[in-house]
Amino acid sequence: MLTLSFKGCANVEDATLLSLATSLKTFDTITRLKLNLEKTASGDDGFVALASALKNIRHLTQLTLFFQRTKLADIGLIAISDTIATLEDLSVLILSFAECKDVTDAAAYKLADALCKNKKISDVQLYVGGAGLNDDGEGVLADARFSQKYTRFDLNLSLIHIS
């Protein structure tokens, strides 16, 4: 398992994520990855680069991404969602974009679609409290639990912080 935490590092911006993404492209044998970017200054350019790098990690079985209180917006979450849909061995997904005010229902729909497309995922934990979602976005994520048989599907709409 590779665990990287930049929690609270305000100087972690897109350039840092671009460098990290370049490095991750060489780690194609990682099976479990935990990346904590909580309260960093990263934005969508960095998140899109990260999503692209994750597509190269073919045998990723467990992916944990903490984006709470970052500048993550629809573009970044849509890129991450596209990646989730293509990770053929992914069975566990833990994703937090709590308090990301620029994430809207459009990205929630894309994430729900990605969860439906990836048939290997059996354990999903989503933390979305305080994001910019309306009832429609929250509803489509809640309905994603019925798209297949999950052993665990947690959708947390509160502001509980995890790391």
C-alpha atoms as a PDB file:
ATOM      1  CA  MET A   1       0.000   0.000   0.000  1.00  0.00           C
ATOM      2  CA  LEU A   2       1.223   3.452  -0.893  1.00  0.00           C
ATOM      3  CA  THR A   3      -0.007   6.192   1.444  1.00  0.00           C
ATOM      4  CA  LEU A   4       0.660   9.851   0.749  1.00  0.00           C
ATOM      5  CA  SER A   5      -0.699  12.615   2.947  1.00  0.00           C
ATOM      6  CA  PHE A   6      -0.486  16.305   2.205  1.00  0.00           C
ATOM      7  CA  LYS A   7      -3.257  17.148   4.674  1.00  0.00           C
ATOM      8  CA  GLY A   8      -3.177  20.810   5.582  1.00  0.00           C
ATOM      9  CA  CYS A   9      -0.235  21.643   3.324  1.00  0.00           C
ATOM     10  CA  ALA A  10      -1.531  24.885   1.851  1.00  0.00           C
ATOM     11  CA  ASN A  11       1.444  25.103  -0.513  1.00  0.00           C
ATOM     12  CA  VAL A  12       0.414  21.898  -2.334  1.00  0.00           C
ATOM     13  CA  GLU A  13      -0.952  23.349  -5.547  1.00  0.00           C
ATOM     14  CA  ASP A  14      -1.504  22.102  -9.079  1.00  0.00           C
ATOM     15  CA  ALA A  15       2.237  22.041  -9.859  1.00  0.00           C
ATOM     16  CA  THR A  16       2.796  19.634  -6.964  1.00  0.00           C
ATOM     17  CA  LEU A  17      -0.007  17.383  -8.147  1.00  0.00           C
ATOM     18  CA  LEU A  18       1.340  17.449 -11.691  1.00  0.00           C
ATOM     19  CA  SER A  19       4.699  16.231 -10.359  1.00  0.00           C
ATOM     20  CA  LEU A  20       2.994  13.598  -8.233  1.00  0.00           C
ATOM     21  CA  ALA A  21       0.963  12.441 -11.235  1.00  0.00           C
ATOM     22  CA  THR A  22       4.134  12.070 -13.294  1.00  0.00           C
ATOM     23  CA  SER A  23       5.690   9.972 -10.517  1.00  0.00           C
ATOM     24  CA  LEU A  24       2.594   7.816 -10.060  1.00  0.00           C
ATOM     25  CA  LYS A  25       2.683   6.826 -13.724  1.00  0.00           C
ATOM     26  CA  THR A  26       5.783   4.751 -12.924  1.00  0.00           C
ATOM     27  CA  PHE A  27       4.069   2.887 -10.066  1.00  0.00           C
ATOM     28  CA  ASP A  28       2.000   0.587 -12.235  1.00  0.00           C
ATOM     29  CA  THR A  29       2.195  -2.291  -9.739  1.00  0.00           C
ATOM     30  CA  ILE A  30       0.519  -0.542  -6.801  1.00  0.00           C
ATOM     31  CA  THR A  31      -2.579  -2.398  -5.648  1.00  0.00           C
ATOM     32  CA  ARG A  32      -3.686  -0.045  -2.859  1.00  0.00           C
ATOM     33  CA  LEU A  33      -3.343   3.736  -2.835  1.00  0.00           C
ATOM     34  CA  LYS A  34      -4.370   6.249  -0.184  1.00  0.00           C
ATOM     35  CA  LEU A  35      -3.950   9.918  -1.057  1.00  0.00           C
ATOM     36  CA  ASN A  36      -4.929  12.663   1.360  1.00  0.00           C
ATOM     37  CA  LEU A  37      -5.097  16.176  -0.089  1.00  0.00           C
ATOM     38  CA  GLU A  38      -7.407  17.668   2.550  1.00  0.00           C
ATOM     39  CA  LYS A  39      -7.087  21.439   2.916  1.00  0.00           C
ATOM     40  CA  THR A  40      -4.522  21.818   0.135  1.00  0.00           C
ATOM     41  CA  ALA A  41      -4.608  24.486  -2.571  1.00  0.00           C
ATOM     42  CA  SER A  42      -4.862  21.929  -5.360  1.00  0.00           C
ATOM     43  CA  GLY A  43      -7.301  22.694  -8.159  1.00  0.00           C
ATOM     44  CA  ASP A  44      -8.820  20.995 -11.165  1.00  0.00           C
ATOM     45  CA  ASP A  45      -5.665  20.999 -13.327  1.00  0.00           C
ATOM     46  CA  GLY A  46      -3.893  18.940 -10.685  1.00  0.00           C
ATOM     47  CA  PHE A  47      -6.868  16.644 -10.161  1.00  0.00           C
ATOM     48  CA  VAL A  48      -7.210  15.991 -13.897  1.00  0.00           C
ATOM     49  CA  ALA A  49      -3.491  15.103 -14.078  1.00  0.00           C
ATOM     50  CA  LEU A  50      -3.918  12.821 -11.053  1.00  0.00           C
ATOM     51  CA  ALA A  51      -6.876  11.078 -12.703  1.00  0.00           C
ATOM     52  CA  SER A  52      -4.814  10.491 -15.821  1.00  0.00           C
ATOM     53  CA  ALA A  53      -1.985   8.978 -13.774  1.00  0.00           C
ATOM     54  CA  LEU A  54      -4.359   6.687 -11.888  1.00  0.00           C
ATOM     55  CA  LYS A  55      -5.521   5.157 -15.176  1.00  0.00           C
ATOM     56  CA  ASN A  56      -1.993   3.753 -15.584  1.00  0.00           C
ATOM     57  CA  ILE A  57      -2.175   1.820 -12.320  1.00  0.00           C
ATOM     58  CA  ARG A  58      -3.930  -1.157 -13.881  1.00  0.00           C
ATOM     59  CA  HIS A  59      -4.126  -3.461 -10.870  1.00  0.00           C
ATOM     60  CA  LEU A  60      -5.366  -0.960  -8.308  1.00  0.00           C
ATOM     61  CA  THR A  61      -7.783  -2.802  -6.022  1.00  0.00           C
ATOM     62  CA  GLN A  62      -8.272  -0.195  -3.300  1.00  0.00           C
ATOM     63  CA  LEU A  63      -8.384   3.561  -3.887  1.00  0.00           C
ATOM     64  CA  THR A  64      -8.790   6.081  -1.083  1.00  0.00           C
ATOM     65  CA  LEU A  65      -8.921   9.752  -2.036  1.00  0.00           C
ATOM     66  CA  PHE A  66      -9.516  12.567   0.440  1.00  0.00           C
ATOM     67  CA  PHE A  67     -10.252  15.855  -1.314  1.00  0.00           C
ATOM     68  CA  GLN A  68     -12.300  17.527   1.417  1.00  0.00           C
ATOM     69  CA  ARG A  69     -11.882  21.286   1.725  1.00  0.00           C
ATOM     70  CA  THR A  70      -9.936  21.635  -1.538  1.00  0.00           C
ATOM     71  CA  LYS A  71     -10.662  23.528  -4.748  1.00  0.00           C
ATOM     72  CA  LEU A  72     -12.028  20.374  -6.372  1.00  0.00           C
ATOM     73  CA  ALA A  73     -14.798  21.267  -8.820  1.00  0.00           C
ATOM     74  CA  ASP A  74     -16.810  19.405 -11.437  1.00  0.00           C
ATOM     75  CA  ILE A  75     -13.962  19.133 -13.966  1.00  0.00           C
ATOM     76  CA  GLY A  76     -11.692  17.379 -11.473  1.00  0.00           C
ATOM     77  CA  LEU A  77     -14.341  15.037 -10.068  1.00  0.00           C
ATOM     78  CA  ILE A  78     -15.546  14.133 -13.549  1.00  0.00           C
ATOM     79  CA  ALA A  79     -11.968  13.194 -14.507  1.00  0.00           C
ATOM     80  CA  ILE A  80     -11.627  11.105 -11.334  1.00  0.00           C
ATOM     81  CA  SER A  81     -15.004   9.472 -12.100  1.00  0.00           C
ATOM     82  CA  ASP A  82     -13.915   8.597 -15.634  1.00  0.00           C
ATOM     83  CA  THR A  83     -10.859   6.914 -14.132  1.00  0.00           C
ATOM     84  CA  ILE A  84     -12.936   4.987 -11.575  1.00  0.00           C
ATOM     85  CA  ALA A  85     -15.034   3.583 -14.413  1.00  0.00           C
ATOM     86  CA  THR A  86     -11.923   2.188 -16.144  1.00  0.00           C
ATOM     87  CA  LEU A  87     -10.054   0.638 -13.197  1.00  0.00           C
ATOM     88  CA  GLU A  88     -10.850  -2.998 -13.905  1.00  0.00           C
ATOM     89  CA  ASP A  89      -9.529  -4.462 -10.639  1.00  0.00           C
ATOM     90  CA  LEU A  90     -10.906  -1.790  -8.286  1.00  0.00           C
ATOM     91  CA  SER A  91     -12.994  -3.361  -5.530  1.00  0.00           C
ATOM     92  CA  VAL A  92     -12.799  -0.741  -2.738  1.00  0.00           C
ATOM     93  CA  LEU A  93     -13.389   2.980  -3.219  1.00  0.00           C
ATOM     94  CA  ILE A  94     -13.265   5.518  -0.414  1.00  0.00           C
ATOM     95  CA  LEU A  95     -13.803   9.032  -1.708  1.00  0.00           C
ATOM     96  CA  SER A  96     -14.308  12.258   0.200  1.00  0.00           C
ATOM     97  CA  PHE A  97     -15.104  15.574  -1.402  1.00  0.00           C
ATOM     98  CA  ALA A  98     -16.847  16.999   1.657  1.00  0.00           C
ATOM     99  CA  GLU A  99     -16.972  20.788   1.758  1.00  0.00           C
ATOM    100  CA  CYS A 100     -15.915  21.105  -1.887  1.00  0.00           C
ATOM    101  CA  LYS A 101     -18.443  23.807  -2.678  1.00  0.00           C
ATOM    102  CA  ASP A 102     -17.705  23.803  -6.437  1.00  0.00           C
ATOM    103  CA  VAL A 103     -18.715  20.174  -6.923  1.00  0.00           C
ATOM    104  CA  THR A 104     -22.253  20.185  -8.316  1.00  0.00           C
ATOM    105  CA  ASP A 105     -24.910  17.708  -9.359  1.00  0.00           C
ATOM    106  CA  ALA A 106     -23.286  17.338 -12.812  1.00  0.00           C
ATOM    107  CA  ALA A 107     -20.237  15.701 -11.241  1.00  0.00           C
ATOM    108  CA  ALA A 108     -22.428  13.598  -8.933  1.00  0.00           C
ATOM    109  CA  TYR A 109     -24.227  12.188 -11.970  1.00  0.00           C
ATOM    110  CA  LYS A 110     -20.885  11.328 -13.584  1.00  0.00           C
ATOM    111  CA  LEU A 111     -19.642   9.649 -10.382  1.00  0.00           C
ATOM    112  CA  ALA A 112     -22.850   7.614 -10.085  1.00  0.00           C
ATOM    113  CA  ASP A 113     -22.455   6.564 -13.716  1.00  0.00           C
ATOM    114  CA  ALA A 114     -18.855   5.494 -13.060  1.00  0.00           C
ATOM    115  CA  LEU A 115     -19.955   3.397 -10.078  1.00  0.00           C
ATOM    116  CA  CYS A 116     -22.542   1.690 -12.269  1.00  0.00           C
ATOM    117  CA  LYS A 117     -20.005   0.976 -15.023  1.00  0.00           C
ATOM    118  CA  ASN A 118     -17.349  -0.534 -12.770  1.00  0.00           C
ATOM    119  CA  LYS A 119     -18.788  -3.936 -11.908  1.00  0.00           C
ATOM    120  CA  LYS A 120     -15.859  -5.031  -9.695  1.00  0.00           C
ATOM    121  CA  ILE A 121     -16.423  -2.418  -6.986  1.00  0.00           C
ATOM    122  CA  SER A 122     -18.008  -4.060  -3.961  1.00  0.00           C
ATOM    123  CA  ASP A 123     -17.179  -1.567  -1.182  1.00  0.00           C
ATOM    124  CA  VAL A 124     -18.002   2.129  -1.647  1.00  0.00           C
ATOM    125  CA  GLN A 125     -17.691   4.870   0.954  1.00  0.00           C
ATOM    126  CA  LEU A 126     -18.551   8.407  -0.149  1.00  0.00           C
ATOM    127  CA  TYR A 127     -18.250  11.494   2.048  1.00  0.00           C
ATOM    128  CA  VAL A 128     -19.978  14.441   0.402  1.00  0.00           C
ATOM    129  CA  GLY A 129     -21.317  16.606   3.235  1.00  0.00           C
ATOM    130  CA  GLY A 130     -21.073  20.320   2.571  1.00  0.00           C
ATOM    131  CA  ALA A 131     -20.280  19.890  -1.120  1.00  0.00           C
ATOM    132  CA  GLY A 132     -22.237  21.963  -3.619  1.00  0.00           C
ATOM    133  CA  LEU A 133     -24.751  19.189  -4.288  1.00  0.00           C
ATOM    134  CA  ASN A 134     -28.493  19.702  -4.396  1.00  0.00           C
ATOM    135  CA  ASP A 135     -31.055  17.034  -3.590  1.00  0.00           C
ATOM    136  CA  ASP A 136     -30.800  15.697  -7.158  1.00  0.00           C
ATOM    137  CA  GLY A 137     -27.045  15.091  -6.875  1.00  0.00           C
ATOM    138  CA  GLU A 138     -27.354  13.481  -3.472  1.00  0.00           C
ATOM    139  CA  GLY A 139     -30.248  11.377  -4.769  1.00  0.00           C
ATOM    140  CA  VAL A 140     -28.418  10.050  -7.802  1.00  0.00           C
ATOM    141  CA  LEU A 141     -25.474   9.021  -5.602  1.00  0.00           C
ATOM    142  CA  ALA A 142     -27.857   7.320  -3.169  1.00  0.00           C
ATOM    143  CA  ASP A 143     -29.564   5.509  -6.062  1.00  0.00           C
ATOM    144  CA  ALA A 144     -26.201   4.222  -7.333  1.00  0.00           C
ATOM    145  CA  ARG A 145     -26.247   1.719  -4.476  1.00  0.00           C
ATOM    146  CA  PHE A 146     -28.999  -0.161  -6.344  1.00  0.00           C
ATOM    147  CA  SER A 147     -26.997  -0.523  -9.579  1.00  0.00           C
ATOM    148  CA  GLN A 148     -25.268  -3.693  -8.413  1.00  0.00           C
ATOM    149  CA  LYS A 149     -24.729  -5.875  -5.377  1.00  0.00           C
ATOM    150  CA  TYR A 150     -22.355  -4.081  -3.050  1.00  0.00           C
ATOM    151  CA  THR A 151     -21.121  -5.630   0.164  1.00  0.00           C
ATOM    152  CA  ARG A 152     -20.936  -2.074   1.512  1.00  0.00           C
ATOM    153  CA  PHE A 153     -22.240   1.237   0.185  1.00  0.00           C
ATOM    154  CA  ASP A 154     -22.050   4.196   2.551  1.00  0.00           C
ATOM    155  CA  LEU A 155     -23.116   7.668   1.493  1.00  0.00           C
ATOM    156  CA  ASN A 156     -22.315  10.161   4.234  1.00  0.00           C
ATOM    157  CA  LEU A 157     -23.999  13.533   3.788  1.00  0.00           C
ATOM    158  CA  SER A 158     -22.837  15.011   7.099  1.00  0.00           C
ATOM    159  CA  LEU A 159     -19.725  17.091   7.753  1.00  0.00           C
ATOM    160  CA  ILE A 160     -17.852  14.308   9.553  1.00  0.00           C
ATOM    161  CA  HIS A 161     -14.170  14.545   8.701  1.00  0.00           C
ATOM    162  CA  ILE A 162     -12.107  11.444   8.121  1.00  0.00           C
ATOM    163  CA  SER A 163      -8.474  10.933   7.253  1.00  0.00           C
END
